[in-house]
Protein backbone atom coordinates (compact mmCIF):
# COMPACT_ATOMS: atom_id res chain seq x y z
CA MET A 1 49.70 -34.29 10.89
CA PRO A 2 50.56 -38.15 11.48
CA LYS A 3 54.09 -39.35 10.57
CA ALA A 4 54.63 -41.91 7.58
CA SER A 5 56.51 -43.99 10.02
CA ALA A 6 53.28 -44.70 12.06
CA PHE A 7 51.99 -46.81 9.39
CA GLU A 8 55.29 -48.34 8.16
CA ASP A 9 54.31 -51.83 9.74
CA LYS A 10 50.65 -51.86 7.59
CA THR A 11 50.41 -53.67 4.41
CA TYR A 12 46.83 -50.99 3.63
CA ARG A 13 47.51 -48.11 4.32
CA ILE A 14 44.33 -46.67 4.06
CA GLY A 15 42.45 -43.42 2.98
CA PHE A 16 38.85 -42.64 3.04
CA ILE A 17 36.94 -40.43 0.54
CA GLY A 18 32.89 -39.82 1.00
CA ASN A 19 30.68 -37.97 3.27
CA GLU A 20 29.28 -38.85 6.98
CA ARG A 21 26.89 -41.04 6.01
CA SER A 22 28.50 -43.33 3.47
CA LEU A 23 31.93 -43.24 5.37
CA LEU A 24 30.35 -44.31 9.13
CA PRO A 25 29.29 -48.11 7.88
CA ILE A 26 32.74 -48.42 6.67
CA TRP A 27 34.45 -46.72 9.56
CA GLU A 28 32.02 -48.73 12.29
CA VAL A 29 33.70 -52.20 10.24
CA PHE A 30 37.60 -51.05 10.90
CA GLN A 31 36.40 -49.53 15.14
CA ASN A 32 34.96 -53.21 15.51
CA GLY A 33 37.48 -54.54 17.89
CA GLU A 34 36.27 -58.25 16.82
CA ASN A 35 38.12 -58.00 13.75
CA SER A 36 40.99 -56.92 14.85
CA THR A 37 42.96 -60.23 13.90
CA LEU A 38 41.23 -59.86 9.81
CA LEU A 39 42.40 -56.05 10.23
CA SER A 40 45.65 -56.66 12.06
CA GLU A 41 47.78 -55.14 8.74
CA VAL A 42 45.51 -52.50 7.71
CA GLY A 43 46.23 -49.01 9.31
CA VAL A 44 43.48 -45.89 8.56
CA VAL A 45 45.45 -42.71 7.96
CA ALA A 46 43.28 -40.11 6.76
CA ALA A 47 39.68 -39.07 5.32
CA ALA A 48 38.60 -36.46 2.32
CA LEU A 49 35.14 -35.24 2.26
CA PRO A 50 34.91 -34.09 -1.62
CA GLY A 51 30.94 -34.23 -1.53
CA GLY A 52 30.68 -30.49 0.85
CA ASP A 53 30.99 -31.62 4.56
CA GLN A 54 33.66 -29.07 6.14
CA PRO A 55 36.39 -30.73 7.97
CA GLY A 56 35.93 -31.66 11.32
CA ALA A 57 32.18 -31.51 11.07
CA LEU A 58 32.17 -34.99 10.83
CA ASN A 59 30.48 -37.07 13.57
CA LEU A 60 32.15 -40.79 13.88
CA PRO A 61 33.11 -42.69 17.25
CA SER A 62 36.31 -42.62 18.14
CA LEU A 63 38.12 -40.60 14.58
CA ASN A 64 41.62 -40.07 15.26
CA VAL A 65 42.63 -39.15 11.60
CA PRO A 66 42.78 -36.09 10.28
CA VAL A 67 39.92 -35.16 7.84
CA TYR A 68 40.66 -32.68 4.71
CA ALA A 69 38.29 -31.05 2.56
CA SER A 70 39.44 -32.78 -0.99
CA TYR A 71 41.38 -36.03 -1.70
CA GLY A 72 43.96 -34.40 -3.53
CA GLU A 73 44.74 -32.25 -0.17
CA MET A 74 45.24 -35.55 1.77
CA LEU A 75 47.58 -37.83 -0.87
CA GLU A 76 49.87 -34.62 -0.90
CA ASN A 77 50.10 -34.52 3.21
CA HIS A 78 49.87 -38.30 3.43
CA PRO A 79 51.95 -39.88 0.59
CA GLU A 80 52.04 -43.32 2.27
CA ILE A 81 48.94 -43.89 1.46
CA ASN A 82 48.25 -47.20 -1.08
CA LEU A 83 44.55 -48.01 -0.65
CA LEU A 84 41.65 -45.47 -1.18
CA PHE A 85 37.52 -46.74 0.09
CA GLU A 86 35.21 -44.53 -2.19
CA SER A 87 31.63 -44.48 -0.14
CA THR A 88 29.87 -41.63 -2.06
CA GLY A 89 29.68 -43.73 -5.08
CA ALA A 90 29.39 -40.68 -7.16
CA ARG A 91 30.47 -41.62 -10.99
CA GLU A 92 32.18 -38.30 -11.85
CA LEU A 93 34.39 -38.68 -8.65
CA ILE A 94 35.05 -42.18 -9.94
CA TYR A 95 36.24 -41.17 -13.23
CA GLU A 96 38.35 -38.41 -11.86
CA LEU A 97 39.87 -40.78 -9.24
CA ARG A 98 40.77 -43.73 -11.98
CA ARG A 99 42.46 -40.68 -13.87
CA GLU A 100 43.98 -38.90 -11.61
CA LEU A 101 45.28 -41.29 -8.84
CA PRO A 102 48.91 -42.62 -9.13
CA PRO A 103 49.68 -46.30 -9.96
CA GLN A 104 50.93 -47.44 -6.30
CA ILE A 105 47.23 -46.40 -5.16
CA THR A 106 44.28 -48.77 -5.52
CA LEU A 107 40.87 -48.18 -5.53
CA VAL A 108 38.29 -49.18 -4.17
CA GLU A 109 34.78 -48.35 -5.06
CA ARG A 110 31.43 -48.15 -3.01
CA THR A 111 30.33 -51.58 -4.81
CA ALA A 112 33.50 -53.35 -3.52
CA ALA A 113 33.47 -51.52 -0.20
CA SER A 114 29.98 -53.12 0.64
CA PHE A 115 31.48 -56.95 -0.45
CA PHE A 116 34.21 -56.15 2.04
CA ILE A 117 31.33 -55.01 4.55
CA ARG A 118 29.55 -57.83 4.07
CA LEU A 119 32.73 -60.20 4.33
CA LEU A 120 33.25 -59.09 7.43
CA SER A 121 30.25 -58.92 9.05
CA SER A 122 29.90 -62.81 8.01
CA GLU A 123 33.49 -63.13 9.79
CA LYS A 124 31.99 -61.81 12.47
CA MET A 125 28.83 -63.79 12.80
CA TRP A 126 30.87 -67.08 12.21
CA LEU A 127 33.04 -66.03 15.12
CA ALA A 128 30.39 -65.85 17.37
CA CYS A 129 28.80 -68.96 16.18
CA LYS A 130 32.38 -70.52 17.33
CA ILE A 131 32.04 -69.15 20.44
CA ASP A 132 28.83 -70.18 20.76
CA LEU A 133 29.46 -73.57 19.90
CA MET A 134 32.51 -74.04 21.59
CA ASN A 135 30.50 -73.00 25.31
CA THR A 136 28.19 -75.42 24.41
CA GLN A 137 30.48 -78.12 24.27
CA THR A 138 32.75 -76.90 26.99
CA LEU A 139 28.91 -77.15 28.82
CA LEU A 140 27.79 -80.33 27.38
CA LYS A 141 31.44 -82.56 27.90
CA THR A 142 31.15 -80.92 31.55
CA ILE A 143 27.99 -82.08 32.37
CA ILE A 144 29.16 -85.70 30.76
CA ASP A 145 32.29 -86.03 32.95
CA GLN A 146 29.81 -85.33 36.08
CA LEU A 147 28.00 -88.28 35.49
CA SER A 148 28.72 -91.33 37.80
CA GLU A 149 28.03 -93.76 34.54
CA ASP A 150 30.68 -94.89 31.84
CA ILE A 151 30.09 -92.94 28.67
CA VAL A 152 32.04 -94.34 26.03
CA PHE A 153 31.25 -92.92 22.14
CA LEU A 154 31.95 -95.52 19.47
CA ASP A 155 32.21 -94.94 15.63
CA LYS A 156 29.65 -97.29 13.42
CA ASP A 157 32.57 -100.46 13.82
CA GLY A 158 32.63 -100.62 17.46
CA PHE A 159 35.61 -98.75 17.84
CA ALA A 160 36.21 -96.53 20.77
CA VAL A 161 35.86 -92.12 19.36
CA ASN A 162 36.15 -91.01 22.82
CA MET A 163 34.64 -91.10 26.20
CA ASN A 164 33.60 -89.27 29.40
CA LYS A 165 35.90 -88.55 32.34
CA THR A 166 34.28 -91.13 34.53
CA ALA A 167 34.98 -94.41 32.04
CA CYS A 168 38.43 -93.39 32.07
CA GLU A 169 38.74 -93.40 35.75
CA HIS A 170 37.00 -96.41 36.45
CA MET A 171 38.87 -98.23 34.16
CA ARG A 172 42.15 -96.69 35.04
CA ALA A 173 43.90 -95.76 31.74
CA CYS A 174 44.40 -92.41 30.26
CA LYS A 175 41.75 -91.28 27.30
CA LYS A 176 44.49 -91.67 24.48
CA ASP A 177 45.51 -95.08 25.58
CA LEU A 178 41.53 -96.26 24.96
CA ILE A 179 40.74 -94.39 21.61
CA GLY A 180 40.24 -96.70 19.23
CA LYS A 181 39.80 -99.89 20.88
CA HIS A 182 36.89 -102.46 20.38
CA TYR A 183 34.52 -101.83 22.67
CA GLN A 184 34.55 -105.78 23.80
CA GLU A 185 38.15 -104.32 24.91
CA ILE A 186 36.81 -101.63 27.26
CA PHE A 187 33.71 -103.44 28.48
CA LYS A 188 35.11 -106.83 30.07
CA GLY A 189 32.34 -109.23 30.29
CA VAL A 190 29.99 -107.60 27.64
CA GLU A 191 30.72 -110.63 25.58
CA ASN A 192 28.24 -112.87 27.78
CA THR A 193 25.50 -110.61 26.84
CA ARG A 194 25.07 -112.59 23.45
CA ASP A 195 21.52 -113.18 22.09
CA THR A 196 20.57 -116.14 20.71
CA ASN A 197 21.92 -114.42 17.07
CA GLY A 198 25.26 -114.15 18.87
CA LEU A 199 24.52 -110.27 18.99
CA THR A 200 25.63 -107.86 22.01
CA PRO A 201 23.67 -105.03 22.86
CA VAL A 202 26.34 -102.92 20.73
CA ASP A 203 26.51 -105.61 17.60
CA ARG A 204 22.24 -105.04 17.41
CA THR A 205 22.43 -101.18 17.80
CA ILE A 206 24.90 -101.14 14.72
CA THR A 207 22.96 -103.82 12.89
CA LYS A 208 19.64 -102.74 13.58
CA GLY A 209 19.80 -98.85 14.07
CA GLN A 210 17.87 -99.23 17.58
CA SER A 211 18.86 -98.81 21.11
CA SER A 212 19.44 -102.16 23.23
CA GLU A 213 20.13 -102.89 26.73
CA ALA A 214 21.70 -106.38 28.53
CA VAL A 215 23.08 -106.98 32.29
CA PHE A 216 26.37 -108.44 32.73
CA SER A 217 28.87 -109.56 35.21
CA GLN A 218 33.05 -109.04 35.33
CA VAL A 219 35.47 -109.84 38.32
CA ASP A 220 37.29 -107.08 38.79
CA GLU A 221 41.42 -107.09 39.90
CA ASP A 222 40.46 -107.49 43.75
CA GLY A 223 38.54 -110.49 42.59
CA ARG A 224 35.26 -109.19 43.65
CA MET A 225 31.83 -109.96 41.46
CA ARG A 226 30.88 -106.24 39.65
CA TYR A 227 27.00 -106.32 37.59
CA PHE A 228 26.71 -103.85 34.93
CA ARG A 229 24.06 -102.90 33.06
CA LEU A 230 25.12 -101.55 29.62
CA TYR A 231 22.57 -99.29 27.22
CA THR A 232 23.43 -97.96 23.87
CA TYR A 233 21.90 -95.80 21.49
CA PRO A 234 22.41 -95.16 17.92
CA ILE A 235 23.40 -91.87 16.83
CA HIS A 236 22.54 -90.86 12.52
CA SER A 237 23.59 -88.26 10.62
CA ASP A 238 21.61 -85.99 8.28
CA GLY A 239 21.25 -88.97 5.98
CA GLN A 240 19.41 -91.30 8.69
CA GLN A 241 22.70 -93.51 8.23
CA LEU A 242 23.61 -94.60 11.30
CA SER A 243 27.26 -92.94 12.37
CA HIS A 244 27.99 -93.38 15.80
CA VAL A 245 26.84 -95.31 18.82
CA VAL A 246 26.70 -94.24 22.04
CA ALA A 247 27.51 -96.90 24.61
CA MET A 248 26.39 -96.71 28.70
CA ARG A 249 27.48 -98.64 31.47
CA ARG A 250 26.40 -98.41 34.80
CA ASP A 251 27.30 -99.94 38.12
CA ILE A 252 24.18 -102.11 39.88
CA THR A 253 26.33 -103.97 41.81
CA GLN A 254 24.95 -102.51 45.12
CA ARG A 255 21.14 -102.93 43.70
CA THR A 256 21.85 -106.24 42.80
CA GLN A 257 23.14 -107.57 46.33
CA MET A 258 20.14 -105.92 47.62
CA GLU A 259 17.95 -107.83 44.97
CA HIS A 260 19.96 -111.01 46.14
CA ARG A 261 19.56 -110.36 49.99
CA LEU A 262 15.81 -109.86 49.01
CA GLN A 263 15.26 -113.01 47.42
CA GLN A 264 17.40 -114.77 49.87
CA SER A 265 14.94 -113.06 53.12
CA GLU A 266 12.00 -114.48 50.94
CA LYS A 267 13.35 -118.06 50.63
CA LEU A 268 14.17 -118.03 54.53
CA ALA A 269 10.57 -116.73 54.84
CA SER A 270 9.24 -120.39 53.01
CA ILE A 271 11.65 -122.28 54.68
CA GLY A 272 10.48 -120.92 58.19
CA GLU A 273 6.77 -121.90 56.96
CA LEU A 274 7.51 -125.29 55.67
CA SER A 275 10.04 -125.89 59.19
CA THR A 276 6.93 -126.95 60.83
CA TYR A 277 5.69 -129.47 58.94
CA ILE A 278 9.30 -131.09 58.08
CA ALA A 279 9.34 -131.18 61.89
CA HIS A 280 6.21 -133.32 62.39
CA GLU A 281 5.31 -134.67 58.76
CA ILE A 282 9.05 -136.60 58.08
CA ARG A 283 11.11 -136.42 61.42
CA ASN A 284 8.27 -138.60 62.85
CA PRO A 285 8.14 -141.32 59.96
CA LEU A 286 11.98 -141.05 60.33
CA PHE A 287 11.83 -141.52 63.58
CA ALA A 288 9.64 -144.88 63.10
CA ILE A 289 11.80 -145.80 60.47
CA SER A 290 15.13 -145.62 62.74
CA GLY A 291 13.51 -147.12 65.42
CA PHE A 292 12.49 -150.37 63.43
CA ALA A 293 15.71 -150.49 61.55
CA ASN A 294 17.21 -150.75 65.72
CA ALA A 295 14.88 -153.06 66.42
CA LEU A 296 15.88 -155.36 63.31
CA LEU A 297 19.25 -155.26 64.32
CA ARG A 298 19.16 -156.66 67.54
CA SER A 299 17.34 -159.62 66.11
CA LYS A 300 19.48 -162.76 66.22
CA ASP A 301 17.21 -164.12 62.79
CA GLN A 302 19.23 -161.41 60.62
CA ASP A 303 21.90 -162.72 58.63
CA GLU A 304 24.97 -160.70 57.26
CA ALA A 305 23.58 -159.43 54.21
CA SER A 306 20.21 -158.10 55.89
CA ARG A 307 22.19 -156.40 58.42
CA LYS A 308 24.04 -154.68 56.27
CA LYS A 309 21.45 -153.16 54.81
CA LEU A 310 19.90 -151.92 58.10
CA ASN A 311 23.05 -150.36 59.27
CA ILE A 312 22.44 -148.02 55.61
CA ILE A 313 18.87 -147.89 56.79
CA LEU A 314 20.84 -146.62 60.25
CA GLU A 315 23.43 -144.46 58.56
CA GLU A 316 21.40 -142.68 55.93
CA SER A 317 18.38 -141.95 58.39
CA LYS A 318 21.17 -140.06 60.35
CA ARG A 319 22.03 -138.32 57.38
CA LEU A 320 18.56 -137.41 56.94
CA ASP A 321 18.36 -136.10 60.30
CA GLY A 322 21.13 -134.10 60.60
CA ILE A 323 19.75 -132.00 57.45
CA LEU A 324 16.55 -131.52 59.24
CA LYS A 325 18.32 -130.38 62.03
CA SER A 326 20.16 -127.92 59.92
CA ILE A 327 17.07 -126.86 58.28
CA LEU A 328 15.25 -126.27 61.59
CA ASN A 329 18.07 -124.54 63.17
CA PHE A 330 18.64 -122.25 60.13
CA ALA A 331 14.99 -121.69 59.54
CA ARG A 332 14.77 -120.45 63.67
CA PRO A 333 15.83 -117.42 65.07
CA ILE A 334 19.14 -117.04 66.10
CA GLN A 335 19.17 -116.86 70.05
CA ALA A 336 22.38 -114.88 70.05
CA ALA A 337 23.83 -114.41 73.75
CA ALA A 338 24.42 -110.36 74.48
CA GLY A 339 27.93 -110.51 74.51
CA VAL A 340 31.86 -109.16 73.87
CA VAL A 341 33.95 -111.05 71.25
CA ASP A 342 37.33 -111.12 71.64
CA LEU A 343 38.76 -111.87 67.92
CA ASN A 344 42.03 -112.47 68.88
CA GLU A 345 40.93 -115.34 71.70
CA VAL A 346 38.42 -116.61 69.40
CA VAL A 347 40.83 -117.04 66.65
CA ASP A 348 43.29 -118.37 68.92
CA SER A 349 41.63 -120.94 70.64
CA THR A 350 39.57 -122.01 67.22
CA MET A 351 42.76 -122.61 65.25
CA ARG A 352 44.55 -124.92 67.52
CA VAL A 353 41.83 -127.44 67.01
CA MET A 354 41.70 -126.51 63.29
CA GLY A 355 45.00 -126.11 62.93
CA ILE A 356 45.71 -130.40 63.96
CA GLY A 357 42.95 -130.76 60.92
CA CYS A 358 45.07 -128.47 58.67
CA ASP A 359 48.79 -129.80 59.47
CA SER A 360 47.39 -133.40 58.44
CA GLN A 361 46.13 -131.66 54.97
CA GLY A 362 49.65 -129.89 54.15
CA ILE A 363 48.13 -126.89 54.77
CA LYS A 364 50.46 -123.49 56.31
CA VAL A 365 48.47 -121.34 58.79
CA ASN A 366 49.43 -117.99 59.10
CA LEU A 367 47.92 -116.23 61.68
CA GLU A 368 48.02 -111.74 61.43
CA LEU A 369 46.20 -111.35 64.85
CA ALA A 370 46.15 -107.10 65.14
CA GLN A 371 46.97 -105.45 68.34
CA ASP A 372 45.37 -103.28 70.33
CA LEU A 373 41.98 -104.66 68.30
CA ALA A 374 38.53 -103.27 70.08
CA LYS A 375 36.17 -106.07 70.78
CA ALA A 376 33.14 -106.57 69.04
CA LYS A 377 29.63 -106.75 69.91
CA ALA A 378 28.23 -110.42 69.54
CA ASP A 379 27.69 -113.51 70.26
CA ALA A 380 31.29 -115.50 70.55
CA GLU A 381 30.05 -118.91 70.06
CA LEU A 382 28.36 -117.73 66.80
CA ILE A 383 31.30 -115.83 65.50
CA LYS A 384 33.20 -119.32 66.19
CA GLN A 385 30.57 -121.16 64.66
CA CYS A 386 31.35 -118.83 61.48
CA LEU A 387 35.20 -119.11 61.77
CA ILE A 388 34.64 -122.98 61.49
CA ASN A 389 32.66 -122.88 58.54
CA LEU A 390 34.87 -120.34 56.57
CA VAL A 391 38.27 -122.83 57.70
CA LYS A 392 36.79 -126.24 56.86
CA ASN A 393 35.34 -124.38 53.44
CA SER A 394 38.96 -123.50 52.68
CA MET A 395 40.22 -126.73 53.81
CA GLU A 396 38.18 -128.57 51.51
CA ALA A 397 39.28 -125.93 48.79
CA MET A 398 43.18 -126.70 49.33
CA THR A 399 43.17 -130.84 48.72
CA GLU A 400 46.32 -130.69 47.97
CA GLY A 401 47.61 -128.49 50.61
CA GLY A 402 48.17 -124.65 50.35
CA VAL A 403 48.21 -121.91 53.18
CA LEU A 404 45.74 -120.55 55.16
CA SER A 405 45.49 -117.15 56.48
CA VAL A 406 43.58 -115.80 59.30
CA ARG A 407 43.00 -112.32 59.82
CA THR A 408 42.38 -109.78 62.25
CA ARG A 409 41.68 -105.78 61.66
CA LEU A 410 40.30 -102.66 62.45
CA THR A 411 38.71 -100.01 60.11
CA ARG A 412 36.76 -97.14 61.05
CA ASP A 413 32.92 -98.73 61.71
CA TYR A 414 33.86 -102.24 61.81
CA VAL A 415 36.21 -104.91 63.50
CA VAL A 416 37.70 -107.53 60.70
CA LEU A 417 37.78 -110.59 60.59
CA GLU A 418 39.30 -111.90 57.30
CA VAL A 419 40.12 -116.00 56.24
CA GLU A 420 41.73 -116.52 53.17
CA ASP A 421 43.17 -119.43 51.15
CA THR A 422 44.90 -120.10 48.32
CA GLY A 423 42.31 -122.93 47.01
CA LYS A 424 40.93 -123.23 43.59
CA GLY A 425 38.63 -120.29 43.88
CA ILE A 426 35.03 -120.16 43.19
CA PRO A 427 33.93 -120.03 39.59
CA LYS A 428 32.11 -116.71 37.96
CA ASP A 429 28.92 -118.91 36.98
CA ILE A 430 28.35 -119.42 40.96
CA ARG A 431 29.88 -116.56 42.41
CA ASP A 432 26.27 -115.18 43.51
CA LYS A 433 25.04 -118.34 44.41
CA VAL A 434 27.28 -119.38 47.47
CA PHE A 435 25.21 -117.40 49.94
CA SER A 436 21.79 -118.99 48.70
CA PRO A 437 20.51 -121.80 51.13
CA PHE A 438 20.54 -125.57 49.68
CA PHE A 439 23.59 -124.74 47.35
CA SER A 440 26.38 -126.69 47.65
CA THR A 441 29.40 -127.71 45.07
CA LYS A 442 30.50 -130.98 47.40
CA GLY A 443 27.64 -133.10 46.57
CA LYS A 444 27.05 -133.64 50.36
CA GLY A 445 25.45 -131.47 53.21
CA SER A 446 23.14 -129.37 53.11
CA GLY A 447 24.67 -126.62 51.65
CA LEU A 448 23.82 -124.11 54.94
CA GLY A 449 27.28 -123.04 55.90
CA LEU A 450 27.65 -120.18 54.20
CA ALA A 451 23.93 -119.01 54.05
CA MET A 452 24.31 -119.22 58.06
CA ILE A 453 27.09 -117.35 58.46
CA ARG A 454 25.56 -114.15 56.45
CA LYS A 455 22.08 -114.70 58.35
CA ILE A 456 24.26 -114.69 61.72
CA ILE A 457 26.48 -111.65 60.42
CA ASP A 458 23.24 -109.87 58.95
CA ASP A 459 21.36 -110.25 62.72
CA ILE A 460 24.67 -108.74 64.33
CA GLY A 461 24.06 -105.40 62.44
CA GLY A 462 27.33 -106.24 60.80
CA ASP A 463 28.56 -107.18 57.07
CA LEU A 464 30.45 -109.53 54.82
CA ASP A 465 32.63 -109.44 51.51
CA LEU A 466 33.53 -111.85 49.64
CA SER A 467 36.60 -111.86 46.42
CA SER A 468 37.73 -114.53 44.45
CA VAL A 469 39.65 -115.09 41.75
CA GLU A 470 39.63 -119.00 40.08
CA GLY A 471 43.32 -120.67 40.23
CA GLN A 472 44.93 -118.38 43.11
CA GLY A 473 42.15 -118.49 46.00
CA THR A 474 38.96 -116.84 48.45
CA ARG A 475 38.60 -114.30 50.75
CA VAL A 476 36.11 -113.95 52.93
CA ALA A 477 36.09 -110.78 55.57
CA LEU A 478 32.99 -110.55 58.47
CA PHE A 479 32.61 -107.15 59.25
CA LEU A 480 31.37 -106.71 63.04
CA PRO A 481 30.28 -104.34 64.98
CA PRO A 482 32.96 -102.69 67.93
CA LEU A 483 31.89 -102.45 71.06
CA LEU A 484 31.37 -98.58 72.05
CA ALA A 485 33.22 -97.20 74.85
CA MET A 486 29.83 -95.27 76.80
CA ALA A 487 29.66 -93.21 79.37
CA PRO A 488 28.58 -94.63 82.86
CA PRO A 489 25.15 -93.41 83.80
CA ALA A 490 25.93 -90.83 86.30
CA GLN A 491 24.43 -91.93 89.83
CA ALA A 492 21.99 -90.41 91.61
CA PRO A 493 22.85 -88.72 95.14
CA GLU A 494 22.32 -90.52 98.69
CA PRO A 495 19.23 -89.35 100.38
CA THR A 496 20.04 -86.70 103.20
CA PRO A 497 19.22 -88.82 106.76
CA PRO A 498 16.96 -86.49 108.12
CA GLN A 499 17.98 -84.01 110.78
CA PRO A 500 16.95 -84.50 115.12
CA GLY A 501 14.66 -81.56 115.49
CA PRO A 502 14.19 -79.41 118.61
CA PRO A 503 13.15 -81.04 121.95
CA PRO A 504 9.78 -80.06 123.01
CA GLY A 505 9.56 -76.76 124.57
CA GLN A 506 12.00 -74.83 122.60
CA PRO A 507 11.61 -72.85 119.22
CA GLY A 508 10.27 -74.82 116.34
CA GLY A 509 9.74 -77.96 118.49
CA ALA A 510 6.40 -79.69 119.21
CA GLY A 511 4.88 -77.36 122.02
């Protein structure tokens, strides 16, 4: 017989009255571990079988409580019982229990017991749904966090309510610092995507409830231009009212650069086709114009005013001839001499000459040359040409003086030449045009300097990186393939000279 002290910590100490068939549903509820939280204050003390079943005859799972033939015997042996479950629904037994039970014992009849069972079953179902929902939520969060795109959930006013892990990493901020911010603070540069009505993709989705998209650019902290495509999708409530907006930002910088390269290749192909026409159809008349102008200048019949006009014709003819030469040189394939380049030597010799112009312009030159630098696989004259063009551009960007830094360094895959200035920088709206042929902001020249550098670096299998911040300066890095150490080819063994044979008449000789 269990001691009363075993149930002292329980608020409800239960005794069951009924038979095996009626007790089984209730017993299963109390034995279900999933209801342990709800039933933590309940202790099952004993059971009584007034319906004819014999004590010990119950076949209930894990029934570790004493069983009695009558409820009176059960109550006599267990005075700690304060709650009785009657499961048979027999009217006479219920009337008897109402008359005989002391006031400290609460009677739960069959109808109330059935309600209690349904309540517990509903709680069990709710718990199962909660667990399933949590598992689905965890799975969805894991999938969203693994995506490479930035995904931000906005409310109907455009303020962030949640985002994935990728968005936090790209924005270098914690989620708690980003939640509550307006989408224009999160997606820098998106304000430039406004349409004729002044709406961004997020605004269009909020006002019209339709998905939208747009491409925009942004200068990152390192001064590099990055391109993004923003997709926005509406989320509607059950009443078809807009409740949230999903904004997904995808980095398309690499693809955009490839498109620019392709466009430049198409331009180069067009230039190549026109170069022959230019050479024959323009240079020949230009040569004639220059010749006749020279002949007129040598004539003694020209007054001073006519000579000034003829000199202008000659100067403009020479300038036009220089532009044509640049176009033709740019159009024809680069004949790079196979060789090796010591970047430190190229920088040192070039800056000795270019440094004179820098000094006269008030520009301080810093040379940062890496020690034990690997040699590059390229043509020295072409690399020198690239360096001169970059230094000239930097000097033109620092008309009032500044600092010009020329560096060499080594990465895992490339030998790097960097030219950095403290000039006015490149405006954002022309950043993607500076390497295009014939583009120039100087009002003079052919606009082929940077385009030629790009062409040279591409032809030798290198790469180029530009970063610029307006008002702070520009940095251009040329990545050149290093000269790899190759084992010398194995030399073939020298042939063994033939040995003289035995004299005639001897064994093995000719007899």
